[in-house]
Amino acid sequence: MQKVTGRSDDMIILRGVNIFPTQVEEQL
């Protein structure tokens, strides 16, 4: 299984964009 970097229930929907905390971590 590919590394899990998000869950359907920790997804942030912000002004129509789907965001996972790991995406922010990657940029940080």
mmCIF file of all heavy atoms, coordinates in Angstrom:
data_MODEL
# 
_entry.id   MODEL 
# 
loop_
_atom_site.group_PDB 
_atom_site.id 
_atom_site.type_symbol 
_atom_site.label_atom_id 
_atom_site.label_alt_id 
_atom_site.label_comp_id 
_atom_site.label_asym_id 
_atom_site.label_entity_id 
_atom_site.label_seq_id 
_atom_site.pdbx_PDB_ins_code 
_atom_site.Cartn_x 
_atom_site.Cartn_y 
_atom_site.Cartn_z 
_atom_site.occupancy 
_atom_site.B_iso_or_equiv 
_atom_site.pdbx_formal_charge 
_atom_site.auth_seq_id 
_atom_site.auth_comp_id 
_atom_site.auth_asym_id 
_atom_site.auth_atom_id 
_atom_site.pdbx_PDB_model_num 
ATOM 1   N N   . MET A 1 1  ? 0.857   -1.176 0.000  1.00 0.00 ? 1  MET A N   1 
ATOM 2   C CA  . MET A 1 1  ? 0.000   0.000  0.000  1.00 0.00 ? 1  MET A CA  1 
ATOM 3   C C   . MET A 1 1  ? 0.900   1.236  0.000  1.00 0.00 ? 1  MET A C   1 
ATOM 4   O O   . MET A 1 1  ? 1.927   1.274  0.666  1.00 0.00 ? 1  MET A O   1 
ATOM 5   C CB  . MET A 1 1  ? -0.933  0.010  1.214  1.00 0.00 ? 1  MET A CB  1 
ATOM 6   C CG  . MET A 1 1  ? -0.260  -0.216 2.557  1.00 0.00 ? 1  MET A CG  1 
ATOM 7   S SD  . MET A 1 1  ? -1.401  -0.295 3.954  1.00 0.00 ? 1  MET A SD  1 
ATOM 8   C CE  . MET A 1 1  ? -1.639  1.459  4.285  1.00 0.00 ? 1  MET A CE  1 
ATOM 9   N N   . GLN A 1 2  ? 0.539   2.183  -0.820 1.00 0.00 ? 2  GLN A N   1 
ATOM 10  C CA  . GLN A 1 2  ? 1.290   3.433  -0.853 1.00 0.00 ? 2  GLN A CA  1 
ATOM 11  C C   . GLN A 1 2  ? 1.215   4.111  0.513  1.00 0.00 ? 2  GLN A C   1 
ATOM 12  O O   . GLN A 1 2  ? 0.232   3.968  1.234  1.00 0.00 ? 2  GLN A O   1 
ATOM 13  C CB  . GLN A 1 2  ? 0.699   4.347  -1.924 1.00 0.00 ? 2  GLN A CB  1 
ATOM 14  C CG  . GLN A 1 2  ? 1.533   5.574  -2.248 1.00 0.00 ? 2  GLN A CG  1 
ATOM 15  C CD  . GLN A 1 2  ? 0.862   6.407  -3.327 1.00 0.00 ? 2  GLN A CD  1 
ATOM 16  O OE1 . GLN A 1 2  ? -0.293  6.799  -3.215 1.00 0.00 ? 2  GLN A OE1 1 
ATOM 17  N NE2 . GLN A 1 2  ? 1.557   6.641  -4.416 1.00 0.00 ? 2  GLN A NE2 1 
ATOM 18  N N   . LYS A 1 3  ? 2.259   4.831  0.856  1.00 0.00 ? 3  LYS A N   1 
ATOM 19  C CA  . LYS A 1 3  ? 2.286   5.562  2.117  1.00 0.00 ? 3  LYS A CA  1 
ATOM 20  C C   . LYS A 1 3  ? 1.013   6.393  2.281  1.00 0.00 ? 3  LYS A C   1 
ATOM 21  O O   . LYS A 1 3  ? 0.635   7.129  1.374  1.00 0.00 ? 3  LYS A O   1 
ATOM 22  C CB  . LYS A 1 3  ? 3.503   6.482  2.087  1.00 0.00 ? 3  LYS A CB  1 
ATOM 23  C CG  . LYS A 1 3  ? 3.950   7.004  3.393  1.00 0.00 ? 3  LYS A CG  1 
ATOM 24  C CD  . LYS A 1 3  ? 5.296   7.723  3.165  1.00 0.00 ? 3  LYS A CD  1 
ATOM 25  C CE  . LYS A 1 3  ? 6.000   8.067  4.344  1.00 0.00 ? 3  LYS A CE  1 
ATOM 26  N NZ  . LYS A 1 3  ? 5.499   7.776  5.613  1.00 0.00 ? 3  LYS A NZ  1 
ATOM 27  N N   . VAL A 1 4  ? 0.333   6.255  3.418  1.00 0.00 ? 4  VAL A N   1 
ATOM 28  C CA  . VAL A 1 4  ? -0.876  7.025  3.673  1.00 0.00 ? 4  VAL A CA  1 
ATOM 29  C C   . VAL A 1 4  ? -0.476  8.441  4.083  1.00 0.00 ? 4  VAL A C   1 
ATOM 30  O O   . VAL A 1 4  ? 0.211   8.637  5.085  1.00 0.00 ? 4  VAL A O   1 
ATOM 31  C CB  . VAL A 1 4  ? -1.736  6.387  4.793  1.00 0.00 ? 4  VAL A CB  1 
ATOM 32  C CG1 . VAL A 1 4  ? -2.916  7.291  5.154  1.00 0.00 ? 4  VAL A CG1 1 
ATOM 33  C CG2 . VAL A 1 4  ? -2.238  5.017  4.360  1.00 0.00 ? 4  VAL A CG2 1 
ATOM 34  N N   . THR A 1 5  ? -0.883  9.412  3.317  1.00 0.00 ? 5  THR A N   1 
ATOM 35  C CA  . THR A 1 5  ? -0.579  10.798 3.670  1.00 0.00 ? 5  THR A CA  1 
ATOM 36  C C   . THR A 1 5  ? -1.843  11.614 3.948  1.00 0.00 ? 5  THR A C   1 
ATOM 37  O O   . THR A 1 5  ? -1.777  12.826 4.139  1.00 0.00 ? 5  THR A O   1 
ATOM 38  C CB  . THR A 1 5  ? 0.255   11.496 2.569  1.00 0.00 ? 5  THR A CB  1 
ATOM 39  O OG1 . THR A 1 5  ? -0.407  11.347 1.328  1.00 0.00 ? 5  THR A OG1 1 
ATOM 40  C CG2 . THR A 1 5  ? 1.651   10.883 2.485  1.00 0.00 ? 5  THR A CG2 1 
ATOM 41  N N   . GLY A 1 6  ? -2.984  10.940 3.972  1.00 0.00 ? 6  GLY A N   1 
ATOM 42  C CA  . GLY A 1 6  ? -4.220  11.650 4.293  1.00 0.00 ? 6  GLY A CA  1 
ATOM 43  C C   . GLY A 1 6  ? -5.366  10.688 4.556  1.00 0.00 ? 6  GLY A C   1 
ATOM 44  O O   . GLY A 1 6  ? -5.333  9.520  4.152  1.00 0.00 ? 6  GLY A O   1 
ATOM 45  N N   . ARG A 1 7  ? -6.352  11.174 5.277  1.00 0.00 ? 7  ARG A N   1 
ATOM 46  C CA  . ARG A 1 7  ? -7.566  10.426 5.563  1.00 0.00 ? 7  ARG A CA  1 
ATOM 47  C C   . ARG A 1 7  ? -8.760  11.199 5.036  1.00 0.00 ? 7  ARG A C   1 
ATOM 48  O O   . ARG A 1 7  ? -8.755  12.435 5.053  1.00 0.00 ? 7  ARG A O   1 
ATOM 49  C CB  . ARG A 1 7  ? -7.735  10.221 7.062  1.00 0.00 ? 7  ARG A CB  1 
ATOM 50  C CG  . ARG A 1 7  ? -6.712  9.328  7.708  1.00 0.00 ? 7  ARG A CG  1 
ATOM 51  C CD  . ARG A 1 7  ? -6.849  9.345  9.236  1.00 0.00 ? 7  ARG A CD  1 
ATOM 52  N NE  . ARG A 1 7  ? -8.228  9.099  9.685  1.00 0.00 ? 7  ARG A NE  1 
ATOM 53  C CZ  . ARG A 1 7  ? -8.753  7.911  9.881  1.00 0.00 ? 7  ARG A CZ  1 
ATOM 54  N NH1 . ARG A 1 7  ? -8.025  6.849  9.656  1.00 0.00 ? 7  ARG A NH1 1 
ATOM 55  N NH2 . ARG A 1 7  ? -10.013 7.772  10.298 1.00 0.00 ? 7  ARG A NH2 1 
ATOM 56  N N   . SER A 1 8  ? -9.763  10.483 4.592  1.00 0.00 ? 8  SER A N   1 
ATOM 57  C CA  . SER A 1 8  ? -10.944 11.172 4.086  1.00 0.00 ? 8  SER A CA  1 
ATOM 58  C C   . SER A 1 8  ? -11.598 12.025 5.167  1.00 0.00 ? 8  SER A C   1 
ATOM 59  O O   . SER A 1 8  ? -12.262 13.004 4.876  1.00 0.00 ? 8  SER A O   1 
ATOM 60  C CB  . SER A 1 8  ? -11.952 10.169 3.511  1.00 0.00 ? 8  SER A CB  1 
ATOM 61  O OG  . SER A 1 8  ? -12.364 9.247  4.502  1.00 0.00 ? 8  SER A OG  1 
ATOM 62  N N   . ASP A 1 9  ? -11.378 11.660 6.456  1.00 0.00 ? 9  ASP A N   1 
ATOM 63  C CA  . ASP A 1 9  ? -12.002 12.442 7.520  1.00 0.00 ? 9  ASP A CA  1 
ATOM 64  C C   . ASP A 1 9  ? -11.069 13.471 8.164  1.00 0.00 ? 9  ASP A C   1 
ATOM 65  O O   . ASP A 1 9  ? -11.467 14.144 9.101  1.00 0.00 ? 9  ASP A O   1 
ATOM 66  C CB  . ASP A 1 9  ? -12.627 11.535 8.596  1.00 0.00 ? 9  ASP A CB  1 
ATOM 67  C CG  . ASP A 1 9  ? -11.663 10.521 9.182  1.00 0.00 ? 9  ASP A CG  1 
ATOM 68  O OD1 . ASP A 1 9  ? -10.474 10.552 8.799  1.00 0.00 ? 9  ASP A OD1 1 
ATOM 69  O OD2 . ASP A 1 9  ? -12.093 9.707  10.010 1.00 0.00 ? 9  ASP A OD2 1 
ATOM 70  N N   . ASP A 1 10 ? -9.788  13.612 7.713  1.00 0.00 ? 10 ASP A N   1 
ATOM 71  C CA  . ASP A 1 10 ? -8.988  14.741 8.173  1.00 0.00 ? 10 ASP A CA  1 
ATOM 72  C C   . ASP A 1 10 ? -8.743  15.748 7.057  1.00 0.00 ? 10 ASP A C   1 
ATOM 73  O O   . ASP A 1 10 ? -7.947  16.667 7.179  1.00 0.00 ? 10 ASP A O   1 
ATOM 74  C CB  . ASP A 1 10 ? -7.668  14.293 8.831  1.00 0.00 ? 10 ASP A CB  1 
ATOM 75  C CG  . ASP A 1 10 ? -6.622  13.753 7.869  1.00 0.00 ? 10 ASP A CG  1 
ATOM 76  O OD1 . ASP A 1 10 ? -6.840  13.797 6.657  1.00 0.00 ? 10 ASP A OD1 1 
ATOM 77  O OD2 . ASP A 1 10 ? -5.565  13.290 8.334  1.00 0.00 ? 10 ASP A OD2 1 
ATOM 78  N N   . MET A 1 11 ? -9.458  15.569 5.962  1.00 0.00 ? 11 MET A N   1 
ATOM 79  C CA  . MET A 1 11 ? -9.356  16.498 4.844  1.00 0.00 ? 11 MET A CA  1 
ATOM 80  C C   . MET A 1 11 ? -10.013 17.830 5.208  1.00 0.00 ? 11 MET A C   1 
ATOM 81  O O   . MET A 1 11 ? -11.112 17.875 5.744  1.00 0.00 ? 11 MET A O   1 
ATOM 82  C CB  . MET A 1 11 ? -10.025 15.897 3.607  1.00 0.00 ? 11 MET A CB  1 
ATOM 83  C CG  . MET A 1 11 ? -9.895  16.730 2.350  1.00 0.00 ? 11 MET A CG  1 
ATOM 84  S SD  . MET A 1 11 ? -10.510 15.849 0.906  1.00 0.00 ? 11 MET A SD  1 
ATOM 85  C CE  . MET A 1 11 ? -12.283 15.859 1.234  1.00 0.00 ? 11 MET A CE  1 
ATOM 86  N N   . ILE A 1 12 ? -9.315  18.908 4.929  1.00 0.00 ? 12 ILE A N   1 
ATOM 87  C CA  . ILE A 1 12 ? -9.838  20.255 5.118  1.00 0.00 ? 12 ILE A CA  1 
ATOM 88  C C   . ILE A 1 12 ? -10.382 20.737 3.777  1.00 0.00 ? 12 ILE A C   1 
ATOM 89  O O   . ILE A 1 12 ? -9.685  20.658 2.753  1.00 0.00 ? 12 ILE A O   1 
ATOM 90  C CB  . ILE A 1 12 ? -8.724  21.217 5.601  1.00 0.00 ? 12 ILE A CB  1 
ATOM 91  C CG1 . ILE A 1 12 ? -8.103  20.719 6.911  1.00 0.00 ? 12 ILE A CG1 1 
ATOM 92  C CG2 . ILE A 1 12 ? -9.257  22.639 5.746  1.00 0.00 ? 12 ILE A CG2 1 
ATOM 93  C CD1 . ILE A 1 12 ? -6.756  21.371 7.211  1.00 0.00 ? 12 ILE A CD1 1 
ATOM 94  N N   . ILE A 1 13 ? -11.619 21.171 3.759  1.00 0.00 ? 13 ILE A N   1 
ATOM 95  C CA  . ILE A 1 13 ? -12.161 21.783 2.537  1.00 0.00 ? 13 ILE A CA  1 
ATOM 96  C C   . ILE A 1 13 ? -12.191 23.285 2.778  1.00 0.00 ? 13 ILE A C   1 
ATOM 97  O O   . ILE A 1 13 ? -12.958 23.788 3.594  1.00 0.00 ? 13 ILE A O   1 
ATOM 98  C CB  . ILE A 1 13 ? -13.557 21.241 2.195  1.00 0.00 ? 13 ILE A CB  1 
ATOM 99  C CG1 . ILE A 1 13 ? -13.513 19.713 2.043  1.00 0.00 ? 13 ILE A CG1 1 
ATOM 100 C CG2 . ILE A 1 13 ? -14.085 21.876 0.916  1.00 0.00 ? 13 ILE A CG2 1 
ATOM 101 C CD1 . ILE A 1 13 ? -14.854 19.053 1.813  1.00 0.00 ? 13 ILE A CD1 1 
ATOM 102 N N   . LEU A 1 14 ? -11.302 24.000 2.103  1.00 0.00 ? 14 LEU A N   1 
ATOM 103 C CA  . LEU A 1 14 ? -11.149 25.431 2.302  1.00 0.00 ? 14 LEU A CA  1 
ATOM 104 C C   . LEU A 1 14 ? -11.458 26.155 0.998  1.00 0.00 ? 14 LEU A C   1 
ATOM 105 O O   . LEU A 1 14 ? -10.699 26.052 0.026  1.00 0.00 ? 14 LEU A O   1 
ATOM 106 C CB  . LEU A 1 14 ? -9.729  25.755 2.780  1.00 0.00 ? 14 LEU A CB  1 
ATOM 107 C CG  . LEU A 1 14 ? -9.498  27.183 3.296  1.00 0.00 ? 14 LEU A CG  1 
ATOM 108 C CD1 . LEU A 1 14 ? -10.124 27.364 4.669  1.00 0.00 ? 14 LEU A CD1 1 
ATOM 109 C CD2 . LEU A 1 14 ? -8.013  27.490 3.348  1.00 0.00 ? 14 LEU A CD2 1 
ATOM 110 N N   . ARG A 1 15 ? -12.564 26.848 1.008  1.00 0.00 ? 15 ARG A N   1 
ATOM 111 C CA  . ARG A 1 15 ? -13.005 27.590 -0.179 1.00 0.00 ? 15 ARG A CA  1 
ATOM 112 C C   . ARG A 1 15 ? -12.964 26.714 -1.434 1.00 0.00 ? 15 ARG A C   1 
ATOM 113 O O   . ARG A 1 15 ? -12.465 27.118 -2.497 1.00 0.00 ? 15 ARG A O   1 
ATOM 114 C CB  . ARG A 1 15 ? -12.158 28.859 -0.359 1.00 0.00 ? 15 ARG A CB  1 
ATOM 115 C CG  . ARG A 1 15 ? -12.241 29.820 0.838  1.00 0.00 ? 15 ARG A CG  1 
ATOM 116 C CD  . ARG A 1 15 ? -11.541 31.138 0.611  1.00 0.00 ? 15 ARG A CD  1 
ATOM 117 N NE  . ARG A 1 15 ? -10.090 31.042 0.527  1.00 0.00 ? 15 ARG A NE  1 
ATOM 118 C CZ  . ARG A 1 15 ? -9.276  31.026 1.561  1.00 0.00 ? 15 ARG A CZ  1 
ATOM 119 N NH1 . ARG A 1 15 ? -9.780  31.108 2.790  1.00 0.00 ? 15 ARG A NH1 1 
ATOM 120 N NH2 . ARG A 1 15 ? -7.970  30.938 1.396  1.00 0.00 ? 15 ARG A NH2 1 
ATOM 121 N N   . GLY A 1 16 ? -13.455 25.496 -1.275 1.00 0.00 ? 16 GLY A N   1 
ATOM 122 C CA  . GLY A 1 16 ? -13.585 24.578 -2.405 1.00 0.00 ? 16 GLY A CA  1 
ATOM 123 C C   . GLY A 1 16 ? -12.350 23.765 -2.739 1.00 0.00 ? 16 GLY A C   1 
ATOM 124 O O   . GLY A 1 16 ? -12.371 22.951 -3.660 1.00 0.00 ? 16 GLY A O   1 
ATOM 125 N N   . VAL A 1 17 ? -11.247 23.977 -2.007 1.00 0.00 ? 17 VAL A N   1 
ATOM 126 C CA  . VAL A 1 17 ? -10.003 23.226 -2.255 1.00 0.00 ? 17 VAL A CA  1 
ATOM 127 C C   . VAL A 1 17 ? -9.820  22.181 -1.152 1.00 0.00 ? 17 VAL A C   1 
ATOM 128 O O   . VAL A 1 17 ? -9.949  22.485 0.027  1.00 0.00 ? 17 VAL A O   1 
ATOM 129 C CB  . VAL A 1 17 ? -8.780  24.171 -2.298 1.00 0.00 ? 17 VAL A CB  1 
ATOM 130 C CG1 . VAL A 1 17 ? -7.496  23.375 -2.547 1.00 0.00 ? 17 VAL A CG1 1 
ATOM 131 C CG2 . VAL A 1 17 ? -8.968  25.243 -3.365 1.00 0.00 ? 17 VAL A CG2 1 
ATOM 132 N N   . ASN A 1 18 ? -9.520  20.947 -1.563 1.00 0.00 ? 18 ASN A N   1 
ATOM 133 C CA  . ASN A 1 18 ? -9.262  19.869 -0.598 1.00 0.00 ? 18 ASN A CA  1 
ATOM 134 C C   . ASN A 1 18 ? -7.805  19.908 -0.157 1.00 0.00 ? 18 ASN A C   1 
ATOM 135 O O   . ASN A 1 18 ? -6.889  19.872 -0.985 1.00 0.00 ? 18 ASN A O   1 
ATOM 136 C CB  . ASN A 1 18 ? -9.572  18.506 -1.222 1.00 0.00 ? 18 ASN A CB  1 
ATOM 137 C CG  . ASN A 1 18 ? -11.030 18.370 -1.597 1.00 0.00 ? 18 ASN A CG  1 
ATOM 138 O OD1 . ASN A 1 18 ? -11.883 19.142 -1.153 1.00 0.00 ? 18 ASN A OD1 1 
ATOM 139 N ND2 . ASN A 1 18 ? -11.342 17.391 -2.419 1.00 0.00 ? 18 ASN A ND2 1 
ATOM 140 N N   . ILE A 1 19 ? -7.587  19.961 1.152  1.00 0.00 ? 19 ILE A N   1 
ATOM 141 C CA  . ILE A 1 19 ? -6.234  20.067 1.698  1.00 0.00 ? 19 ILE A CA  1 
ATOM 142 C C   . ILE A 1 19 ? -6.046  19.026 2.796  1.00 0.00 ? 19 ILE A C   1 
ATOM 143 O O   . ILE A 1 19 ? -6.934  18.823 3.633  1.00 0.00 ? 19 ILE A O   1 
ATOM 144 C CB  . ILE A 1 19 ? -5.977  21.472 2.309  1.00 0.00 ? 19 ILE A CB  1 
ATOM 145 C CG1 . ILE A 1 19 ? -6.315  22.568 1.303  1.00 0.00 ? 19 ILE A CG1 1 
ATOM 146 C CG2 . ILE A 1 19 ? -4.541  21.622 2.804  1.00 0.00 ? 19 ILE A CG2 1 
ATOM 147 C CD1 . ILE A 1 19 ? -6.507  23.912 1.947  1.00 0.00 ? 19 ILE A CD1 1 
ATOM 148 N N   . PHE A 1 20 ? -4.872  18.397 2.804  1.00 0.00 ? 20 PHE A N   1 
ATOM 149 C CA  . PHE A 1 20 ? -4.486  17.510 3.897  1.00 0.00 ? 20 PHE A CA  1 
ATOM 150 C C   . PHE A 1 20 ? -3.324  18.141 4.657  1.00 0.00 ? 20 PHE A C   1 
ATOM 151 O O   . PHE A 1 20 ? -2.459  18.782 4.051  1.00 0.00 ? 20 PHE A O   1 
ATOM 152 C CB  . PHE A 1 20 ? -4.075  16.135 3.361  1.00 0.00 ? 20 PHE A CB  1 
ATOM 153 C CG  . PHE A 1 20 ? -5.202  15.374 2.736  1.00 0.00 ? 20 PHE A CG  1 
ATOM 154 C CD1 . PHE A 1 20 ? -5.360  15.355 1.355  1.00 0.00 ? 20 PHE A CD1 1 
ATOM 155 C CD2 . PHE A 1 20 ? -6.112  14.697 3.526  1.00 0.00 ? 20 PHE A CD2 1 
ATOM 156 C CE1 . PHE A 1 20 ? -6.408  14.668 0.776  1.00 0.00 ? 20 PHE A CE1 1 
ATOM 157 C CE2 . PHE A 1 20 ? -7.166  14.001 2.952  1.00 0.00 ? 20 PHE A CE2 1 
ATOM 158 C CZ  . PHE A 1 20 ? -7.312  13.989 1.582  1.00 0.00 ? 20 PHE A CZ  1 
ATOM 159 N N   . PRO A 1 21 ? -3.276  17.962 5.982  1.00 0.00 ? 21 PRO A N   1 
ATOM 160 C CA  . PRO A 1 21 ? -2.161  18.526 6.753  1.00 0.00 ? 21 PRO A CA  1 
ATOM 161 C C   . PRO A 1 21 ? -0.787  18.123 6.222  1.00 0.00 ? 21 PRO A C   1 
ATOM 162 O O   . PRO A 1 21 ? 0.163   18.906 6.295  1.00 0.00 ? 21 PRO A O   1 
ATOM 163 C CB  . PRO A 1 21 ? -2.400  17.973 8.163  1.00 0.00 ? 21 PRO A CB  1 
ATOM 164 C CG  . PRO A 1 21 ? -3.887  17.763 8.236  1.00 0.00 ? 21 PRO A CG  1 
ATOM 165 C CD  . PRO A 1 21 ? -4.294  17.331 6.856  1.00 0.00 ? 21 PRO A CD  1 
ATOM 166 N N   . THR A 1 22 ? -0.667  16.916 5.681  1.00 0.00 ? 22 THR A N   1 
ATOM 167 C CA  . THR A 1 22 ? 0.630   16.483 5.167  1.00 0.00 ? 22 THR A CA  1 
ATOM 168 C C   . THR A 1 22 ? 1.095   17.334 3.988  1.00 0.00 ? 22 THR A C   1 
ATOM 169 O O   . THR A 1 22 ? 2.288   17.459 3.737  1.00 0.00 ? 22 THR A O   1 
ATOM 170 C CB  . THR A 1 22 ? 0.582   15.006 4.738  1.00 0.00 ? 22 THR A CB  1 
ATOM 171 O OG1 . THR A 1 22 ? -0.577  14.787 3.924  1.00 0.00 ? 22 THR A OG1 1 
ATOM 172 C CG2 . THR A 1 22 ? 0.560   14.080 5.942  1.00 0.00 ? 22 THR A CG2 1 
ATOM 173 N N   . GLN A 1 23 ? 0.150   17.909 3.235  1.00 0.00 ? 23 GLN A N   1 
ATOM 174 C CA  . GLN A 1 23 ? 0.542   18.799 2.138  1.00 0.00 ? 23 GLN A CA  1 
ATOM 175 C C   . GLN A 1 23 ? 1.225   20.056 2.674  1.00 0.00 ? 23 GLN A C   1 
ATOM 176 O O   . GLN A 1 23 ? 2.204   20.538 2.099  1.00 0.00 ? 23 GLN A O   1 
ATOM 177 C CB  . GLN A 1 23 ? -0.686  19.188 1.298  1.00 0.00 ? 23 GLN A CB  1 
ATOM 178 C CG  . GLN A 1 23 ? -1.271  18.056 0.488  1.00 0.00 ? 23 GLN A CG  1 
ATOM 179 C CD  . GLN A 1 23 ? -2.544  18.489 -0.222 1.00 0.00 ? 23 GLN A CD  1 
ATOM 180 O OE1 . GLN A 1 23 ? -3.613  18.618 0.397  1.00 0.00 ? 23 GLN A OE1 1 
ATOM 181 N NE2 . GLN A 1 23 ? -2.436  18.753 -1.512 1.00 0.00 ? 23 GLN A NE2 1 
ATOM 182 N N   . VAL A 1 24 ? 0.695   20.568 3.786  1.00 0.00 ? 24 VAL A N   1 
ATOM 183 C CA  . VAL A 1 24 ? 1.312   21.739 4.423  1.00 0.00 ? 24 VAL A CA  1 
ATOM 184 C C   . VAL A 1 24 ? 2.691   21.347 4.968  1.00 0.00 ? 24 VAL A C   1 
ATOM 185 O O   . VAL A 1 24 ? 3.662   22.084 4.825  1.00 0.00 ? 24 VAL A O   1 
ATOM 186 C CB  . VAL A 1 24 ? 0.400   22.288 5.541  1.00 0.00 ? 24 VAL A CB  1 
ATOM 187 C CG1 . VAL A 1 24 ? 1.101   23.412 6.312  1.00 0.00 ? 24 VAL A CG1 1 
ATOM 188 C CG2 . VAL A 1 24 ? -0.925  22.769 4.956  1.00 0.00 ? 24 VAL A CG2 1 
ATOM 189 N N   . GLU A 1 25 ? 2.782   20.166 5.586  1.00 0.00 ? 25 GLU A N   1 
ATOM 190 C CA  . GLU A 1 25 ? 4.058   19.673 6.106  1.00 0.00 ? 25 GLU A CA  1 
ATOM 191 C C   . GLU A 1 25 ? 5.110   19.616 5.002  1.00 0.00 ? 25 GLU A C   1 
ATOM 192 O O   . GLU A 1 25 ? 6.264   20.021 5.189  1.00 0.00 ? 25 GLU A O   1 
ATOM 193 C CB  . GLU A 1 25 ? 3.866   18.288 6.717  1.00 0.00 ? 25 GLU A CB  1 
ATOM 194 C CG  . GLU A 1 25 ? 5.157   17.623 7.203  1.00 0.00 ? 25 GLU A CG  1 
ATOM 195 C CD  . GLU A 1 25 ? 4.915   16.201 7.657  1.00 0.00 ? 25 GLU A CD  1 
ATOM 196 O OE1 . GLU A 1 25 ? 4.445   16.025 8.791  1.00 0.00 ? 25 GLU A OE1 1 
ATOM 197 O OE2 . GLU A 1 25 ? 5.184   15.261 6.887  1.00 0.00 ? 25 GLU A OE2 1 
ATOM 198 N N   . GLU A 1 26 ? 4.722   19.129 3.842  1.00 0.00 ? 26 GLU A N   1 
ATOM 199 C CA  . GLU A 1 26 ? 5.642   18.987 2.714  1.00 0.00 ? 26 GLU A CA  1 
ATOM 200 C C   . GLU A 1 26 ? 6.225   20.334 2.303  1.00 0.00 ? 26 GLU A C   1 
ATOM 201 O O   . GLU A 1 26 ? 7.409   20.455 2.025  1.00 0.00 ? 26 GLU A O   1 
ATOM 202 C CB  . GLU A 1 26 ? 4.914   18.334 1.541  1.00 0.00 ? 26 GLU A CB  1 
ATOM 203 C CG  . GLU A 1 26 ? 5.809   17.599 0.604  1.00 0.00 ? 26 GLU A CG  1 
ATOM 204 C CD  . GLU A 1 26 ? 5.089   16.550 -0.181 1.00 0.00 ? 26 GLU A CD  1 
ATOM 205 O OE1 . GLU A 1 26 ? 3.893   16.722 -0.489 1.00 0.00 ? 26 GLU A OE1 1 
ATOM 206 O OE2 . GLU A 1 26 ? 5.715   15.533 -0.488 1.00 0.00 ? 26 GLU A OE2 1 
ATOM 207 N N   . GLN A 1 27 ? 5.373   21.374 2.278  1.00 0.00 ? 27 GLN A N   1 
ATOM 208 C CA  . GLN A 1 27 ? 5.849   22.713 1.917  1.00 0.00 ? 27 GLN A CA  1 
ATOM 209 C C   . GLN A 1 27 ? 6.725   23.290 3.030  1.00 0.00 ? 27 GLN A C   1 
ATOM 210 O O   . GLN A 1 27 ? 7.749   23.928 2.770  1.00 0.00 ? 27 GLN A O   1 
ATOM 211 C CB  . GLN A 1 27 ? 4.665   23.655 1.627  1.00 0.00 ? 27 GLN A CB  1 
ATOM 212 C CG  . GLN A 1 27 ? 3.694   23.160 0.542  1.00 0.00 ? 27 GLN A CG  1 
ATOM 213 C CD  . GLN A 1 27 ? 4.407   22.751 -0.740 1.00 0.00 ? 27 GLN A CD  1 
ATOM 214 O OE1 . GLN A 1 27 ? 5.283   23.459 -1.247 1.00 0.00 ? 27 GLN A OE1 1 
ATOM 215 N NE2 . GLN A 1 27 ? 4.049   21.568 -1.262 1.00 0.00 ? 27 GLN A NE2 1 
ATOM 216 N N   . LEU A 1 28 ? 6.329   23.071 4.282  1.00 0.00 ? 28 LEU A N   1 
ATOM 217 C CA  . LEU A 1 28 ? 7.083   23.583 5.426  1.00 0.00 ? 28 LEU A CA  1 
ATOM 218 C C   . LEU A 1 28 ? 8.523   23.079 5.413  1.00 0.00 ? 28 LEU A C   1 
ATOM 219 O O   . LEU A 1 28 ? 9.467   23.826 5.685  1.00 0.00 ? 28 LEU A O   1 
ATOM 220 C CB  . LEU A 1 28 ? 6.381   23.177 6.725  1.00 0.00 ? 28 LEU A CB  1 
ATOM 221 C CG  . LEU A 1 28 ? 7.127   23.402 8.050  1.00 0.00 ? 28 LEU A CG  1 
ATOM 222 C CD1 . LEU A 1 28 ? 7.333   24.895 8.296  1.00 0.00 ? 28 LEU A CD1 1 
ATOM 223 C CD2 . LEU A 1 28 ? 6.357   22.770 9.217  1.00 0.00 ? 28 LEU A CD2 1 
# 
